Protein backbone atom coordinates (compact mmCIF):
# COMPACT_ATOMS: atom_id res chain seq x y z
CA MET A 1 0.00 0.00 0.00
CA PRO A 2 2.73 2.60 0.78
CA LEU A 3 4.17 1.94 -2.67
CA VAL A 4 0.76 2.48 -4.27
CA LYS A 5 0.27 5.74 -2.36
CA LYS A 6 3.73 6.91 -3.40
CA TYR A 7 2.93 6.09 -7.04
CA LEU A 8 -0.40 7.93 -6.86
CA LYS A 9 1.26 11.02 -5.37
CA ALA A 10 3.89 11.02 -8.11
CA ALA A 11 1.24 10.55 -10.80
CA THR A 12 -0.87 13.36 -9.35
CA LEU A 13 2.14 15.68 -9.25
CA ALA A 14 3.04 14.85 -12.85
CA PHE A 15 -0.55 15.50 -13.92
CA LEU A 16 -0.59 18.89 -12.19
CA ILE A 17 2.68 19.89 -13.85
CA LEU A 18 1.40 18.85 -17.28
CA ALA A 19 -1.92 20.61 -16.67
CA ASN A 20 -0.14 23.81 -15.69
CA LEU A 21 2.07 23.62 -18.77
CA PHE A 22 -1.01 23.06 -20.93
CA ILE A 23 -2.77 26.07 -19.41
CA TRP A 24 0.38 28.21 -19.81
CA ASN A 25 0.66 27.16 -23.47
CA ILE A 26 -2.96 28.10 -24.11
CA ALA A 27 -2.42 31.49 -22.47
CA TRP A 28 0.78 32.04 -24.44
CA SER A 29 -0.89 31.07 -27.73
CA SER A 30 -3.89 33.33 -27.12
CA SER A 31 -1.67 36.33 -26.34
CA ASN A 32 0.83 35.57 -29.11
CA SER A 33 -1.36 37.23 -31.74
CA LYS A 34 -1.78 40.37 -29.66
CA LEU A 35 0.33 43.38 -28.84
CA LEU A 36 0.83 43.87 -25.10
CA VAL A 37 1.88 47.22 -23.64
CA TYR A 38 2.69 47.34 -19.93
CA PHE A 39 2.93 50.72 -18.23
CA LEU A 40 5.03 49.52 -15.33
CA ASN A 41 4.45 50.82 -11.82
CA VAL A 42 7.91 52.22 -11.03
CA ASP A 43 6.75 54.91 -8.60
CA GLN A 44 7.76 58.44 -9.72
CA GLY A 45 9.14 57.60 -13.14
CA ASP A 46 8.50 55.99 -16.51
CA ALA A 47 9.00 52.43 -17.73
CA ILE A 48 6.97 50.85 -20.52
CA LEU A 49 7.35 47.27 -21.73
CA ILE A 50 6.13 46.40 -25.22
CA LYS A 51 5.66 42.74 -26.18
CA ALA A 52 5.08 42.28 -29.90
CA PRO A 53 3.20 39.27 -31.33
CA SER A 54 6.56 38.06 -32.66
CA GLY A 55 7.84 37.69 -29.11
CA ASN A 56 10.25 40.59 -29.49
CA LYS A 57 10.29 43.10 -26.65
CA MET A 58 11.08 46.77 -26.23
CA LEU A 59 11.55 48.66 -22.97
CA ILE A 60 10.95 52.40 -23.07
CA ASP A 61 12.79 53.90 -20.09
CA GLY A 62 13.62 52.14 -16.83
CA GLY A 63 12.23 54.21 -13.99
CA PRO A 64 14.28 55.59 -11.09
CA GLY A 65 15.89 52.39 -9.81
CA SER A 66 15.73 48.63 -9.25
CA ILE A 67 11.93 48.57 -8.93
CA VAL A 68 11.81 48.12 -12.71
CA LEU A 69 13.42 44.68 -12.31
CA GLU A 70 10.63 43.61 -9.96
CA GLU A 71 7.99 44.75 -12.42
CA LEU A 72 9.70 43.12 -15.39
CA SER A 73 9.85 39.82 -13.51
CA LYS A 74 6.06 39.94 -13.19
CA ALA A 75 5.50 40.65 -16.88
CA LEU A 76 8.07 38.20 -18.31
CA ALA A 77 8.55 34.47 -17.86
CA PHE A 78 11.13 33.66 -15.18
CA TYR A 79 13.52 32.19 -17.75
CA ASP A 80 13.20 35.10 -20.21
CA ARG A 81 16.38 37.16 -20.11
CA LYS A 82 16.13 38.91 -23.46
CA ILE A 83 14.88 42.41 -24.29
CA GLU A 84 15.63 43.17 -27.92
CA VAL A 85 15.45 46.97 -27.74
CA ILE A 86 15.73 49.59 -25.01
CA LEU A 87 14.68 53.14 -25.81
CA ALA A 88 15.91 55.75 -23.30
CA THR A 89 13.81 58.85 -23.98
CA HIS A 90 16.22 61.21 -22.17
CA PRO A 91 18.80 61.06 -19.37
CA ASP A 92 16.72 62.14 -16.35
CA ALA A 93 17.16 59.88 -13.32
CA ASP A 94 13.50 58.86 -13.17
CA HIS A 95 13.77 57.48 -16.71
CA ILE A 96 17.22 55.84 -16.82
CA GLY A 97 17.95 55.10 -13.15
CA GLY A 98 16.87 51.47 -13.50
CA LEU A 99 18.50 50.80 -16.87
CA PRO A 100 21.95 49.78 -15.55
CA GLY A 101 20.27 46.92 -13.68
CA VAL A 102 18.29 45.96 -16.77
CA LEU A 103 21.44 45.91 -18.90
CA GLU A 104 23.12 43.70 -16.31
CA ARG A 105 20.27 41.19 -16.02
CA TYR A 106 18.98 41.06 -19.59
CA GLU A 107 20.57 40.50 -22.98
CA VAL A 108 19.89 43.60 -25.07
CA ASP A 109 20.53 43.96 -28.81
CA PHE A 110 19.97 47.68 -29.33
CA ILE A 111 19.65 50.78 -27.20
CA ILE A 112 18.23 53.96 -28.69
CA GLU A 113 19.05 57.40 -27.24
CA PRO A 114 18.28 61.01 -28.20
CA GLY A 115 21.92 62.09 -28.18
CA VAL A 116 21.84 64.31 -25.12
CA SER A 117 23.89 63.76 -21.95
CA ALA A 118 23.65 64.77 -18.30
CA ASP A 119 26.32 65.63 -15.76
CA THR A 120 25.04 63.18 -13.16
CA ARG A 121 26.25 60.01 -11.48
CA ILE A 122 23.20 58.15 -12.72
CA PHE A 123 23.96 59.03 -16.32
CA GLU A 124 27.61 58.02 -15.80
CA SER A 125 26.41 54.68 -14.39
CA PHE A 126 24.11 54.21 -17.36
CA GLU A 127 26.88 54.95 -19.87
CA LYS A 128 29.25 52.60 -18.07
CA SER A 129 26.66 49.80 -18.10
CA LEU A 130 26.03 50.42 -21.77
CA GLY A 131 29.76 50.21 -22.47
CA ASN A 132 29.94 46.87 -20.67
CA SER A 133 27.01 45.41 -22.59
CA LYS A 134 26.92 44.05 -26.13
CA ALA A 135 24.04 46.34 -27.09
CA GLN A 136 24.49 48.45 -30.21
CA LYS A 137 23.89 52.14 -29.54
CA LEU A 138 21.64 53.99 -31.99
CA LEU A 139 20.74 57.67 -32.28
CA ALA A 140 17.03 58.45 -32.45
CA ARG A 141 15.97 60.73 -35.28
CA ARG A 142 12.61 61.54 -36.82
CA GLY A 143 11.54 58.86 -39.27
CA MET A 144 13.51 56.04 -37.64
CA LYS A 145 11.47 52.83 -37.68
CA VAL A 146 11.86 49.95 -35.26
CA ASP A 147 10.18 46.82 -36.61
CA LEU A 148 9.37 44.58 -33.66
CA GLY A 149 7.81 41.93 -35.89
CA GLY A 150 4.28 40.60 -36.06
CA GLY A 151 3.06 43.90 -37.48
CA ALA A 152 4.25 46.10 -34.60
CA VAL A 153 6.34 49.07 -35.73
CA LEU A 154 7.55 52.01 -33.64
CA VAL A 155 8.28 55.28 -35.47
CA VAL A 156 10.30 58.14 -33.96
CA LEU A 157 8.63 61.55 -34.33
CA PHE A 158 11.18 63.59 -32.37
CA PRO A 159 14.00 64.64 -32.15
CA ASP A 160 14.55 65.69 -35.74
CA ARG A 161 17.94 67.33 -35.23
CA GLU A 162 21.09 67.37 -33.10
CA LEU A 163 20.15 68.48 -29.57
CA SER A 164 23.19 67.73 -27.45
CA LYS A 165 23.28 71.17 -25.83
CA VAL A 166 19.61 71.60 -24.90
CA ASP A 167 17.72 70.78 -21.72
CA PRO A 168 17.25 66.98 -21.56
CA ASN A 169 13.46 67.26 -21.48
CA ASP A 170 13.53 69.30 -24.70
CA ALA A 171 15.35 66.39 -26.36
CA SER A 172 12.93 63.69 -25.17
CA ILE A 173 12.18 61.04 -27.73
CA VAL A 174 8.56 61.09 -28.86
CA ALA A 175 7.46 57.96 -30.70
CA LYS A 176 4.32 56.34 -32.05
CA LEU A 177 3.72 52.60 -32.04
CA PHE A 178 1.62 51.19 -34.88
CA PHE A 179 -0.14 47.82 -34.79
CA GLY A 180 -2.87 47.17 -37.32
CA GLU A 181 -5.51 49.87 -36.95
CA THR A 182 -4.33 50.81 -33.44
CA ASP A 183 -1.68 53.26 -32.22
CA PHE A 184 0.13 54.21 -29.01
CA MET A 185 1.80 57.60 -28.42
CA PHE A 186 4.82 57.79 -26.08
CA THR A 187 6.07 61.25 -25.10
CA GLY A 188 8.81 60.91 -22.46
CA ASP A 189 9.04 64.31 -20.74
CA ALA A 190 8.52 66.33 -23.93
CA PRO A 191 7.41 69.87 -22.96
CA LEU A 192 4.61 72.00 -24.34
CA LYS A 193 6.74 73.60 -27.07
CA ILE A 194 7.69 70.20 -28.50
CA GLU A 195 4.06 69.09 -28.44
CA GLN A 196 3.07 72.23 -30.32
CA TYR A 197 5.91 71.70 -32.79
CA LEU A 198 4.69 68.16 -33.48
CA VAL A 199 1.14 69.44 -33.97
CA SER A 200 2.50 71.83 -36.61
CA LEU A 201 4.36 68.98 -38.33
CA ASP A 202 1.94 66.09 -38.06
CA GLY A 203 -1.50 67.47 -37.23
CA GLU A 204 -4.18 64.79 -37.37
CA ASN A 205 -1.54 62.12 -38.01
CA LEU A 206 -0.85 62.26 -34.27
CA LYS A 207 -4.17 60.47 -33.69
CA SER A 208 -3.61 57.53 -31.34
CA ASP A 209 -5.75 55.18 -29.28
CA VAL A 210 -3.48 55.45 -26.25
CA LEU A 211 -1.47 58.44 -25.02
CA LYS A 212 1.21 58.23 -22.35
CA THR A 213 1.21 61.79 -21.06
CA GLY A 214 4.43 63.77 -20.86
CA HIS A 215 6.33 64.43 -17.64
CA HIS A 216 4.12 62.36 -15.32
CA GLY A 217 1.19 64.74 -15.64
CA SER A 218 3.15 67.94 -15.02
CA GLN A 219 1.66 71.16 -16.34
CA THR A 220 4.86 71.58 -18.37
CA SER A 221 3.40 69.01 -20.80
CA THR A 222 0.03 67.80 -22.10
CA SER A 223 -1.32 70.88 -23.85
CA GLU A 224 -4.96 70.96 -24.89
CA ILE A 225 -4.06 71.33 -28.57
CA PHE A 226 -1.83 68.25 -28.43
CA VAL A 227 -4.40 66.13 -26.59
CA ASN A 228 -7.09 67.19 -29.05
CA GLN A 229 -4.93 66.13 -32.01
CA VAL A 230 -4.02 62.79 -30.45
CA ALA A 231 -7.69 62.27 -29.44
CA PRO A 232 -6.93 59.17 -27.36
CA GLU A 233 -9.37 56.62 -26.04
CA TYR A 234 -7.07 55.94 -23.07
CA VAL A 235 -4.61 58.25 -21.33
CA VAL A 236 -1.94 56.84 -19.02
CA LEU A 237 -0.28 58.90 -16.30
CA SER A 238 2.89 57.35 -14.85
CA ALA A 239 3.58 58.89 -11.44
CA GLY A 240 4.22 57.93 -7.84
CA LYS A 241 1.44 57.88 -5.29
CA ASP A 242 1.43 61.06 -3.16
CA ASN A 243 4.62 62.25 -4.89
CA LYS A 244 6.29 65.47 -3.75
CA TYR A 245 5.73 67.17 -7.12
CA GLY A 246 1.95 66.99 -6.96
CA HIS A 247 1.78 65.02 -10.22
CA PRO A 248 -0.55 64.86 -12.00
CA HIS A 249 -1.35 68.56 -11.83
CA SER A 250 -4.99 69.60 -11.67
CA GLU A 251 -4.68 71.69 -14.85
CA VAL A 252 -3.60 68.60 -16.79
CA LEU A 253 -6.38 66.46 -15.35
CA GLU A 254 -8.92 69.07 -16.40
CA ILE A 255 -7.61 69.03 -19.99
CA LEU A 256 -7.76 65.24 -20.02
CA ARG A 257 -11.30 65.15 -18.62
CA LYS A 258 -12.44 67.55 -21.32
CA SER A 259 -11.03 65.19 -23.94
CA GLN A 260 -13.37 62.45 -22.63
CA ALA A 261 -10.53 59.93 -22.70
CA ARG A 262 -10.44 57.30 -19.98
CA ILE A 263 -7.74 58.37 -17.51
CA LEU A 264 -5.52 55.67 -16.01
CA GLY A 265 -2.83 56.34 -13.39
CA THR A 266 -0.13 53.97 -12.17
CA TYR A 267 -0.33 55.80 -8.82
CA GLU A 268 -3.84 54.38 -8.42
CA LEU A 269 -3.87 51.17 -10.46
CA GLY A 270 -0.27 49.96 -10.30
CA THR A 271 1.03 48.44 -13.51
CA ILE A 272 -1.41 48.99 -16.37
CA LEU A 273 -1.67 46.49 -19.23
CA ILE A 274 -3.31 47.57 -22.48
CA LYS A 275 -3.71 45.01 -25.25
CA SER A 276 -4.36 45.39 -28.95
CA ASP A 277 -5.67 42.82 -31.39
CA GLY A 278 -4.91 45.15 -34.29
CA GLU A 279 -8.47 46.40 -34.50
CA LYS A 280 -9.10 47.79 -31.04
CA VAL A 281 -7.33 48.36 -27.73
CA TYR A 282 -8.62 47.24 -24.38
CA LEU A 283 -7.59 46.88 -20.76
CA LYS A 284 -6.79 43.41 -19.54
């Protein structure tokens, strides 16, 4: 009898393992045809993980520190140690502070930067980590396309010139992600004047289903004219709960409410996952 019980326990365990693998495979297959965009909860900062239907991944910014590693471990399989592309919108600490840890833990093929530096220890640490990695460094310029496969393509809208001597926020990479009939707009910390410049260049072509607001909801970004041109269905604010800056500012929230977009904040919801099937976007 003890031998029979031992056999039954082993058989039950094997069945549970196989069942879990079967369920995981179903979940993987069902999500494999979709674009997944995670707005990671990294407190007062930005970090966005894009998972294309091809399996390729892009990380836009890395938040202020190691918290990004915790959030990535929740979004990626435990054995997955590959992020094909990192895009660092600009060298502020709350956007690149966590990237040295990401470069150490994950294999990265390419890292895209705006071409502006900062006289800070965090930027020095980031540059050192980049130098120690095998990632190829690329300069972001308007018109650059990053094909993530499976129909997901990210296009850089800004910068469109050399900006090494300007304020880092003024050099923030602004990019639009295309997938089928759906679009996502990522703005880094781009200020009002850059938003207005893009409106003058692109007008109604800025239209996107999802907008990640600039500068964590600061009144230095998110102008009414820009929001009206983007005309998003969802707006995501990435900011820390009860942060010392008062983000998001009330003026910005009022503009967003007037747009009738659904407002989502990481400071309230934690990590936010928005999916696209190529025809529409929806919250998980």
